[in-house]
Structures are given as structure tokens and as C-alpha cells.
């Protein structure tokens, strides 16, 4: 069972490494598009980077449509990983 904190830590690591975003800016309430300038292409890249962490599970477009903040993404990933 993966916790939200473990997922948040992984997100911070990926966002820092792949998008050069300062981890101190990444909080649950941080908006992906407005605050971090993550566009739709970046979102796809982010999911590709997270694939090893997620394993053989996938995120549907419908699940990702509701994601607006880092916290939304963390909760969505937790639900997918812990299915």
C-alpha cells in the first residue's frame, strides 16, 4: 500500500528532475497548470515519468481530467496504485 506522502515525495522528485521545478513550490494545493506551468504535453510527459512508480496500472483520460492540483494528482495516483 502506497501512501499519499510517498506519492507526493515521488511527484516532487519527478517535477524537480524533469521540469526543473523547485520542490518547495510543490504542495497539495499547488495548481498544475496555473502555478507550475504544466501544459497538456507536459502532463503526458509527467505520466510517462511516473509509469515505473505506477507499475502496470494505467490512468484513463477521464481520471486525469479531474486533476487540477498536486493534491488531486496525488489522490488519483493513490487510488490507481492501491486498486
N, C-alpha and C. Protein backbone atom coordinates (compact mmCIF):
# COMPACT_ATOMS: atom_id res chain seq x y z
N UNK A 1 0.83 -1.18 0.00
CA UNK A 1 0.00 0.00 0.00
C UNK A 1 0.88 1.25 0.00
N UNK A 2 0.68 2.10 -0.98
CA UNK A 2 1.47 3.33 -1.10
C UNK A 2 0.67 4.47 -0.47
N UNK A 3 1.35 5.31 0.31
CA UNK A 3 0.68 6.42 0.98
C UNK A 3 0.69 7.68 0.12
N UNK A 4 -0.19 8.62 0.46
CA UNK A 4 -0.21 9.89 -0.26
C UNK A 4 1.14 10.61 -0.12
N UNK A 5 1.75 10.52 1.06
CA UNK A 5 3.03 11.19 1.27
C UNK A 5 4.12 10.61 0.37
N UNK A 6 4.14 9.29 0.21
CA UNK A 6 5.12 8.66 -0.69
C UNK A 6 4.90 9.12 -2.13
N UNK A 7 3.64 9.23 -2.51
CA UNK A 7 3.32 9.69 -3.87
C UNK A 7 3.72 11.15 -4.04
N UNK A 8 3.43 11.98 -3.05
CA UNK A 8 3.81 13.39 -3.11
C UNK A 8 5.32 13.54 -3.21
N UNK A 9 6.05 12.75 -2.43
CA UNK A 9 7.52 12.79 -2.50
C UNK A 9 8.02 12.41 -3.89
N UNK A 10 7.41 11.38 -4.49
CA UNK A 10 7.79 10.95 -5.84
C UNK A 10 7.47 12.05 -6.85
N UNK A 11 6.29 12.67 -6.72
CA UNK A 11 5.92 13.77 -7.62
C UNK A 11 6.92 14.91 -7.54
N UNK A 12 7.31 15.28 -6.32
CA UNK A 12 8.29 16.35 -6.14
C UNK A 12 9.58 16.01 -6.85
N UNK A 13 10.03 14.77 -6.70
CA UNK A 13 11.26 14.33 -7.32
C UNK A 13 11.18 14.40 -8.85
N UNK A 14 10.09 13.89 -9.41
CA UNK A 14 9.93 13.88 -10.87
C UNK A 14 9.80 15.30 -11.40
N UNK A 15 9.01 16.14 -10.72
CA UNK A 15 8.82 17.52 -11.19
C UNK A 15 10.12 18.31 -11.12
N UNK A 16 10.93 18.05 -10.09
CA UNK A 16 12.21 18.73 -9.98
C UNK A 16 13.17 18.25 -11.07
N UNK A 17 13.27 16.95 -11.23
CA UNK A 17 14.23 16.37 -12.17
C UNK A 17 13.84 16.65 -13.63
N UNK A 18 12.58 16.45 -13.96
CA UNK A 18 12.16 16.53 -15.36
C UNK A 18 11.75 17.93 -15.81
N UNK A 19 11.24 18.73 -14.87
CA UNK A 19 10.71 20.04 -15.25
C UNK A 19 11.42 21.19 -14.56
N UNK A 20 12.45 20.86 -13.76
CA UNK A 20 13.25 21.87 -13.06
C UNK A 20 12.40 22.80 -12.20
N UNK A 21 11.44 22.19 -11.49
CA UNK A 21 10.57 22.93 -10.59
C UNK A 21 11.09 22.77 -9.17
N UNK A 22 11.24 23.88 -8.48
CA UNK A 22 11.72 23.87 -7.10
C UNK A 22 10.72 23.08 -6.23
N UNK A 23 11.19 22.04 -5.53
CA UNK A 23 10.28 21.22 -4.72
C UNK A 23 9.52 22.01 -3.66
N UNK A 24 10.07 23.13 -3.21
CA UNK A 24 9.37 23.93 -2.19
C UNK A 24 8.08 24.55 -2.75
N UNK A 25 7.96 24.62 -4.08
CA UNK A 25 6.75 25.16 -4.71
C UNK A 25 5.66 24.11 -4.84
N UNK A 26 5.99 22.85 -4.58
CA UNK A 26 5.06 21.75 -4.83
C UNK A 26 4.38 21.36 -3.52
N UNK A 27 3.12 21.78 -3.41
CA UNK A 27 2.30 21.49 -2.24
C UNK A 27 0.97 20.93 -2.74
N UNK A 28 0.20 20.27 -1.89
CA UNK A 28 -1.08 19.71 -2.35
C UNK A 28 -2.00 20.73 -3.03
N UNK A 29 -1.98 21.96 -2.57
CA UNK A 29 -2.87 22.98 -3.14
C UNK A 29 -2.30 23.65 -4.40
N UNK A 30 -1.07 23.33 -4.77
CA UNK A 30 -0.44 23.91 -5.95
C UNK A 30 -1.17 23.46 -7.21
N UNK A 31 -1.56 24.43 -8.04
CA UNK A 31 -2.26 24.12 -9.29
C UNK A 31 -1.24 23.77 -10.37
N UNK A 32 -1.45 22.65 -11.02
CA UNK A 32 -0.50 22.16 -12.02
C UNK A 32 -0.35 23.14 -13.18
N UNK A 33 -1.45 23.57 -13.74
CA UNK A 33 -1.41 24.40 -14.95
C UNK A 33 -1.04 25.85 -14.64
N UNK A 34 -1.72 26.44 -13.66
CA UNK A 34 -1.51 27.86 -13.38
C UNK A 34 -0.22 28.14 -12.60
N UNK A 35 0.05 27.33 -11.57
CA UNK A 35 1.19 27.61 -10.70
C UNK A 35 2.50 27.00 -11.20
N UNK A 36 2.42 25.83 -11.84
CA UNK A 36 3.64 25.14 -12.27
C UNK A 36 3.86 25.19 -13.78
N UNK A 37 2.92 25.81 -14.51
CA UNK A 37 3.02 25.91 -15.97
C UNK A 37 3.13 24.55 -16.64
N UNK A 38 2.44 23.56 -16.10
CA UNK A 38 2.39 22.23 -16.72
C UNK A 38 1.28 22.25 -17.77
N UNK A 39 1.63 22.11 -19.03
CA UNK A 39 0.60 22.08 -20.08
C UNK A 39 0.25 20.62 -20.39
N UNK A 40 -0.63 20.41 -21.36
CA UNK A 40 -1.10 19.04 -21.63
C UNK A 40 0.02 18.13 -22.09
N UNK A 41 0.95 18.65 -22.85
CA UNK A 41 2.09 17.83 -23.30
C UNK A 41 2.98 17.49 -22.11
N UNK A 42 3.21 18.47 -21.23
CA UNK A 42 3.98 18.21 -20.02
C UNK A 42 3.30 17.16 -19.15
N UNK A 43 1.96 17.21 -19.10
CA UNK A 43 1.20 16.25 -18.29
C UNK A 43 1.43 14.83 -18.80
N UNK A 44 1.46 14.67 -20.10
CA UNK A 44 1.73 13.35 -20.69
C UNK A 44 3.16 12.91 -20.32
N UNK A 45 4.11 13.83 -20.44
CA UNK A 45 5.49 13.53 -20.05
C UNK A 45 5.58 13.14 -18.58
N UNK A 46 4.83 13.85 -17.75
CA UNK A 46 4.82 13.55 -16.32
C UNK A 46 4.31 12.13 -16.07
N UNK A 47 3.25 11.75 -16.75
CA UNK A 47 2.71 10.41 -16.59
C UNK A 47 3.70 9.35 -17.07
N UNK A 48 4.43 9.65 -18.14
CA UNK A 48 5.45 8.72 -18.63
C UNK A 48 6.54 8.55 -17.58
N UNK A 49 6.95 9.66 -16.96
CA UNK A 49 7.98 9.59 -15.92
C UNK A 49 7.50 8.81 -14.69
N UNK A 50 6.19 8.87 -14.42
CA UNK A 50 5.64 8.19 -13.25
C UNK A 50 5.33 6.71 -13.51
N UNK A 51 5.37 6.30 -14.76
CA UNK A 51 5.00 4.92 -15.13
C UNK A 51 5.74 3.86 -14.32
N UNK A 52 7.06 3.96 -14.13
CA UNK A 52 7.74 2.94 -13.32
C UNK A 52 7.21 2.88 -11.89
N UNK A 53 6.79 4.02 -11.36
CA UNK A 53 6.26 4.10 -10.00
C UNK A 53 4.86 3.49 -9.93
N UNK A 54 4.07 3.70 -10.98
CA UNK A 54 2.69 3.22 -11.03
C UNK A 54 2.63 1.72 -11.34
N UNK A 55 3.61 1.25 -12.11
CA UNK A 55 3.63 -0.15 -12.48
C UNK A 55 2.78 -0.41 -13.71
N UNK A 56 2.12 -1.55 -13.75
CA UNK A 56 1.37 -1.92 -14.95
C UNK A 56 -0.04 -1.34 -14.97
N UNK A 57 -0.35 -0.47 -14.03
CA UNK A 57 -1.67 0.17 -13.99
C UNK A 57 -1.65 1.42 -14.87
N UNK A 58 -2.80 1.81 -15.35
CA UNK A 58 -2.85 2.98 -16.23
C UNK A 58 -3.85 4.00 -15.72
N UNK A 59 -3.65 5.22 -16.16
CA UNK A 59 -4.54 6.32 -15.81
C UNK A 59 -5.38 6.63 -17.04
N UNK A 60 -6.68 6.61 -16.87
CA UNK A 60 -7.56 6.91 -18.00
C UNK A 60 -7.66 8.42 -18.18
N UNK A 61 -8.05 8.82 -19.37
CA UNK A 61 -8.23 10.25 -19.65
C UNK A 61 -9.29 10.83 -18.72
N UNK A 62 -10.32 10.07 -18.45
CA UNK A 62 -11.39 10.55 -17.56
C UNK A 62 -10.87 10.80 -16.15
N UNK A 63 -10.00 9.90 -15.66
CA UNK A 63 -9.42 10.09 -14.33
C UNK A 63 -8.53 11.33 -14.30
N UNK A 64 -7.79 11.54 -15.36
CA UNK A 64 -6.85 12.66 -15.36
C UNK A 64 -7.55 14.00 -15.60
N UNK A 65 -8.73 13.99 -16.23
CA UNK A 65 -9.46 15.23 -16.49
C UNK A 65 -9.82 15.98 -15.23
N UNK A 66 -10.03 15.28 -14.13
CA UNK A 66 -10.43 15.92 -12.89
C UNK A 66 -9.25 16.48 -12.10
N UNK A 67 -8.04 16.19 -12.53
CA UNK A 67 -6.84 16.62 -11.82
C UNK A 67 -6.55 18.08 -12.12
N UNK A 68 -6.52 18.89 -11.07
CA UNK A 68 -6.20 20.30 -11.22
C UNK A 68 -5.00 20.71 -10.36
N UNK A 69 -4.86 20.04 -9.21
CA UNK A 69 -3.81 20.40 -8.26
C UNK A 69 -2.89 19.20 -8.01
N UNK A 70 -1.78 19.46 -7.36
CA UNK A 70 -0.87 18.38 -6.96
C UNK A 70 -1.62 17.41 -6.05
N UNK A 71 -2.46 17.94 -5.16
CA UNK A 71 -3.24 17.08 -4.26
C UNK A 71 -4.20 16.18 -5.03
N UNK A 72 -4.85 16.74 -6.07
CA UNK A 72 -5.75 15.92 -6.91
C UNK A 72 -4.97 14.78 -7.56
N UNK A 73 -3.80 15.10 -8.08
CA UNK A 73 -2.98 14.10 -8.74
C UNK A 73 -2.52 13.04 -7.75
N UNK A 74 -2.14 13.46 -6.57
CA UNK A 74 -1.70 12.53 -5.53
C UNK A 74 -2.82 11.55 -5.18
N UNK A 75 -4.04 12.07 -4.97
CA UNK A 75 -5.18 11.22 -4.62
C UNK A 75 -5.54 10.27 -5.76
N UNK A 76 -5.51 10.77 -6.99
CA UNK A 76 -5.82 9.93 -8.15
C UNK A 76 -4.81 8.80 -8.28
N UNK A 77 -3.52 9.15 -8.14
CA UNK A 77 -2.48 8.13 -8.23
C UNK A 77 -2.60 7.11 -7.09
N UNK A 78 -2.94 7.58 -5.90
CA UNK A 78 -3.10 6.66 -4.77
C UNK A 78 -4.22 5.65 -5.06
N UNK A 79 -5.33 6.13 -5.59
CA UNK A 79 -6.45 5.24 -5.91
C UNK A 79 -6.05 4.21 -6.97
N UNK A 80 -5.31 4.67 -7.99
CA UNK A 80 -4.89 3.77 -9.07
C UNK A 80 -3.88 2.74 -8.58
N UNK A 81 -2.89 3.19 -7.86
CA UNK A 81 -1.81 2.30 -7.39
C UNK A 81 -2.36 1.26 -6.40
N UNK A 82 -3.28 1.68 -5.55
CA UNK A 82 -3.75 0.80 -4.49
C UNK A 82 -5.00 0.03 -4.86
N UNK A 83 -5.35 -0.04 -6.14
CA UNK A 83 -6.52 -0.82 -6.58
C UNK A 83 -6.32 -2.28 -6.32
